Protein backbone atom coordinates (compact mmCIF):
# COMPACT_ATOMS: atom_id res chain seq x y z
CA MET A 1 0.00 0.00 0.00
CA GLY A 2 2.85 2.36 0.74
CA PRO A 3 2.64 5.08 3.35
CA SER A 4 -0.56 7.11 3.51
CA ALA A 5 0.50 10.63 4.45
CA PRO A 6 0.07 14.18 3.11
CA THR A 7 1.79 14.59 -0.26
CA ASP A 8 4.25 17.21 1.02
CA TRP A 9 5.54 14.69 3.58
CA LEU A 10 6.55 12.21 0.87
CA ASP A 11 9.33 11.74 -1.67
CA ILE A 12 9.27 9.92 -4.99
CA GLU A 13 10.32 6.59 -3.46
CA HIS A 14 7.20 6.55 -1.29
CA PHE A 15 5.18 6.62 -4.53
CA ARG A 16 7.41 4.29 -6.52
CA GLU A 17 6.93 1.05 -4.57
CA PRO A 18 3.10 0.81 -4.61
CA ILE A 19 3.05 1.86 -8.28
CA GLU A 20 5.74 -0.70 -9.19
CA VAL A 21 3.91 -3.52 -7.38
CA ASN A 22 0.24 -2.67 -7.97
CA LEU A 23 0.45 -1.31 -11.51
CA ILE A 24 3.74 -2.09 -13.30
CA GLY A 25 3.87 -5.62 -11.84
CA LEU A 26 0.27 -6.29 -12.82
CA ILE A 27 0.85 -5.03 -16.38
CA ASN A 28 4.06 -7.05 -16.70
CA VAL A 29 2.44 -10.33 -15.64
CA THR A 30 -0.59 -9.70 -17.86
CA ILE A 31 1.25 -8.92 -21.10
CA ASN A 32 3.55 -11.92 -20.63
CA MET A 33 0.54 -14.24 -20.23
CA LEU A 34 -1.55 -12.73 -23.03
CA PRO A 35 -0.42 -15.09 -25.85
CA LEU A 36 -1.57 -18.15 -23.87
CA ILE A 37 -4.77 -16.48 -22.67
CA LYS A 38 -5.71 -15.46 -26.23
CA GLN A 39 -4.99 -18.97 -27.48
CA ALA A 40 -7.26 -20.46 -24.82
CA LYS A 41 -9.91 -17.71 -25.09
CA GLY A 42 -9.43 -17.42 -21.37
CA ARG A 43 -10.21 -14.80 -18.78
CA ILE A 44 -8.31 -12.06 -16.99
CA VAL A 45 -9.33 -10.90 -13.52
CA ASN A 46 -7.45 -7.93 -12.09
CA VAL A 47 -7.84 -6.53 -8.59
CA SER A 48 -8.22 -2.78 -8.29
CA SER A 49 -9.90 -0.99 -5.36
CA VAL A 50 -12.45 1.69 -4.56
CA GLY A 51 -9.21 3.70 -4.34
CA GLY A 52 -9.14 3.42 -8.13
CA ARG A 53 -12.44 5.27 -8.32
CA LEU A 54 -11.89 7.87 -5.60
CA ALA A 55 -8.61 9.08 -4.10
CA PHE A 56 -9.53 8.69 -0.43
CA SER A 57 -5.91 8.87 0.79
CA SER A 58 -2.65 10.47 -0.23
CA GLY A 59 0.45 8.56 -1.33
CA GLY A 60 1.05 6.06 -4.12
CA TYR A 61 -1.78 3.61 -3.47
CA CYS A 62 -4.65 5.47 -5.17
CA PRO A 63 -2.58 6.57 -8.21
CA SER A 64 -1.55 2.93 -8.67
CA LYS A 65 -5.16 1.75 -8.54
CA PHE A 66 -6.37 4.50 -10.89
CA GLY A 67 -3.71 3.16 -13.26
CA VAL A 68 -5.04 -0.38 -12.88
CA GLU A 69 -8.52 0.86 -13.81
CA GLY A 70 -7.20 2.57 -16.94
CA PHE A 71 -5.15 -0.46 -17.97
CA ASN A 72 -8.05 -2.81 -17.31
CA ASP A 73 -10.47 -0.75 -19.42
CA SER A 74 -8.14 -0.57 -22.43
CA LEU A 75 -7.21 -4.27 -22.08
CA ARG A 76 -10.89 -5.27 -21.96
CA ARG A 77 -11.58 -3.46 -25.24
CA ASP A 78 -8.44 -4.84 -26.90
CA MET A 79 -9.29 -8.43 -25.96
CA LYS A 80 -12.97 -8.49 -26.98
CA ALA A 81 -12.05 -9.41 -30.56
CA PHE A 82 -10.19 -12.48 -29.28
CA GLY A 83 -12.99 -13.77 -27.06
CA VAL A 84 -11.09 -12.97 -23.85
CA ASN A 85 -13.19 -11.64 -20.95
CA VAL A 86 -11.55 -9.06 -18.69
CA SER A 87 -13.01 -8.29 -15.26
CA CYS A 88 -11.99 -5.91 -12.50
CA ILE A 89 -12.48 -6.53 -8.78
CA GLN A 90 -13.08 -3.32 -6.77
CA PRO A 91 -13.05 -4.14 -3.05
CA GLY A 92 -13.80 -1.60 -0.37
CA LEU A 93 -11.88 -1.59 2.90
CA PHE A 94 -11.39 -5.14 4.19
CA LYS A 95 -9.67 -6.31 7.34
CA THR A 96 -6.26 -7.53 6.14
CA PRO A 97 -2.64 -6.90 7.19
CA LEU A 98 -2.56 -4.29 4.41
CA SER A 99 -5.20 -2.16 6.14
CA SER A 100 -3.90 -2.62 9.70
CA PRO A 101 -4.29 0.74 11.50
CA VAL A 102 -1.22 -0.04 13.62
CA LYS A 103 0.94 -0.62 10.52
CA ILE A 104 -0.36 2.49 8.75
CA LEU A 105 0.16 4.65 11.84
CA LYS A 106 3.69 3.34 12.36
CA GLU A 107 4.71 4.12 8.76
CA LYS A 108 3.22 7.60 9.07
CA GLU A 109 4.96 8.23 12.39
CA ILE A 110 8.37 7.34 10.91
CA ILE A 111 7.83 9.90 8.15
CA TRP A 112 6.57 12.52 10.63
CA ASN A 113 9.69 12.15 12.77
CA GLN A 114 11.89 12.76 9.71
CA LEU A 115 10.09 15.89 8.50
CA PRO A 116 11.94 19.22 8.50
CA PRO A 117 10.99 21.58 11.36
CA ARG A 118 9.29 23.99 8.94
CA THR A 119 6.84 21.33 7.70
CA LYS A 120 6.13 20.15 11.25
CA LYS A 121 5.37 23.74 12.22
CA GLN A 122 2.97 24.12 9.29
CA TYR A 123 1.01 21.07 10.43
CA GLY A 124 1.40 21.53 14.17
CA GLU A 125 2.51 19.03 16.78
CA GLU A 126 -1.09 17.96 17.50
CA TYR A 127 -1.88 17.18 13.84
CA PHE A 128 -0.47 13.66 13.83
CA GLN A 129 -2.60 12.36 16.71
CA LYS A 130 -5.75 14.25 15.71
CA ASP A 131 -5.61 12.94 12.16
CA ALA A 132 -4.91 9.38 13.35
CA ALA A 133 -8.02 9.53 15.58
CA LYS A 134 -10.19 10.67 12.66
CA LYS A 135 -8.82 7.95 10.39
CA GLU A 136 -9.40 5.28 13.04
CA LYS A 137 -13.03 6.37 13.42
CA LEU A 138 -13.63 6.20 9.65
CA THR A 139 -11.92 2.80 9.41
CA LYS A 140 -14.19 1.33 12.10
CA ILE A 141 -17.26 2.50 10.19
CA CYS A 142 -16.10 1.24 6.78
CA LEU A 143 -14.18 -1.96 7.60
CA ASN A 144 -15.52 -5.22 6.14
CA GLU A 145 -14.66 -8.40 8.05
CA ASP A 146 -15.64 -11.17 5.60
CA ILE A 147 -12.84 -11.46 3.02
CA SER A 148 -14.59 -14.46 1.43
CA LEU A 149 -16.84 -11.98 -0.42
CA VAL A 150 -13.82 -10.97 -2.51
CA VAL A 151 -12.89 -14.59 -3.23
CA GLU A 152 -16.48 -15.38 -4.30
CA CYS A 153 -16.39 -12.53 -6.82
CA MET A 154 -13.07 -13.80 -8.18
CA GLU A 155 -14.61 -17.25 -8.57
CA HIS A 156 -17.65 -15.80 -10.35
CA ALA A 157 -15.43 -13.79 -12.72
CA LEU A 158 -13.45 -16.93 -13.61
CA THR A 159 -16.19 -19.55 -13.85
CA SER A 160 -19.60 -17.99 -14.55
CA LEU A 161 -21.18 -18.02 -18.00
CA TYR A 162 -21.60 -14.24 -17.95
CA PRO A 163 -18.80 -12.62 -15.89
CA ARG A 164 -19.31 -8.98 -14.94
CA THR A 165 -17.06 -6.18 -16.09
CA HIS A 166 -16.73 -4.78 -12.56
CA TYR A 167 -17.32 -6.33 -9.13
CA ILE A 168 -17.91 -3.79 -6.36
CA ILE A 169 -17.44 -5.54 -3.02
CA GLY A 170 -18.16 -4.42 0.54
CA GLN A 171 -20.93 -2.32 2.08
CA ASP A 172 -18.64 0.73 2.21
CA ALA A 173 -17.82 0.37 -1.49
CA LYS A 174 -21.46 -0.05 -2.53
CA TRP A 175 -23.09 2.58 -0.35
CA PHE A 176 -20.39 5.20 0.22
CA TRP A 177 -17.21 5.20 -1.90
CA THR A 178 -18.76 4.32 -5.28
CA PRO A 179 -21.71 6.74 -5.05
CA LEU A 180 -19.33 9.43 -3.75
CA SER A 181 -17.00 8.85 -6.72
CA LYS A 182 -19.85 9.92 -9.05
CA MET A 183 -20.62 13.13 -7.18
CA PRO A 184 -19.22 16.63 -7.94
CA ALA A 185 -15.68 17.29 -6.73
CA ALA A 186 -16.93 19.88 -4.23
CA VAL A 187 -19.08 17.23 -2.51
CA GLN A 188 -16.22 14.71 -2.50
CA ASP A 189 -13.81 17.25 -1.02
CA PHE A 190 -16.27 18.34 1.67
CA LEU A 191 -16.95 14.80 2.90
CA LEU A 192 -13.37 13.53 2.67
CA LEU A 193 -11.84 16.59 4.34
CA ARG A 194 -14.20 16.15 7.30
CA ASN A 195 -12.20 13.00 8.05
CA ARG A 196 -8.83 14.76 8.07
CA ALA A 197 -7.33 17.00 10.71
CA LYS A 198 -6.59 20.56 9.61
CA PRO A 199 -2.95 21.67 9.57
CA ALA A 200 -2.09 24.43 12.02
CA ALA A 201 -1.29 26.75 9.10
CA SER A 202 -4.56 25.98 7.29
CA HIS A 203 -6.24 28.85 5.44
CA ALA A 204 -9.36 26.82 4.65
CA ASN A 205 -12.67 28.13 5.97
């Protein structure tokens, strides 16, 4: 997932790893398997995220998943002529080691401790804990426990007579993130910023 922290806390390496794994790795495996998949008129099932529809956090994770969505859409259109079905799995927030609040907080704290004094002053010493509390509250509301829902959608995409183009999984994905992704940017910003602490130097109303 890479660290989830404000963009001005990060350097290019913080973005590189999730993009290399989630996007470049996925593309590399796919294009190397395409000759066999076309020959077999097989299926391709890629895993994106609601983070590929709506950038709910900063860092490299959401850009990597937006990239997966773009690649998946173009691949699906390219493969139609060869009888290859391409599906995309879009899970919401599920309880996995990837989404562990302790892990996310620890990564963020390491970055915070290495920030220059000027940046720390802009955000304020209380920002880190206040923002962590808001994120924890949102996570508790959105977290899905039953990971088997994702596996069932993968199975459907691979074995059903009529696989879907997209599989939106999780109550948070269906009733919050996906509808929000279709709303005006002003609405998205208002709701998402309510779940972030304001920097000490904020000029926002």
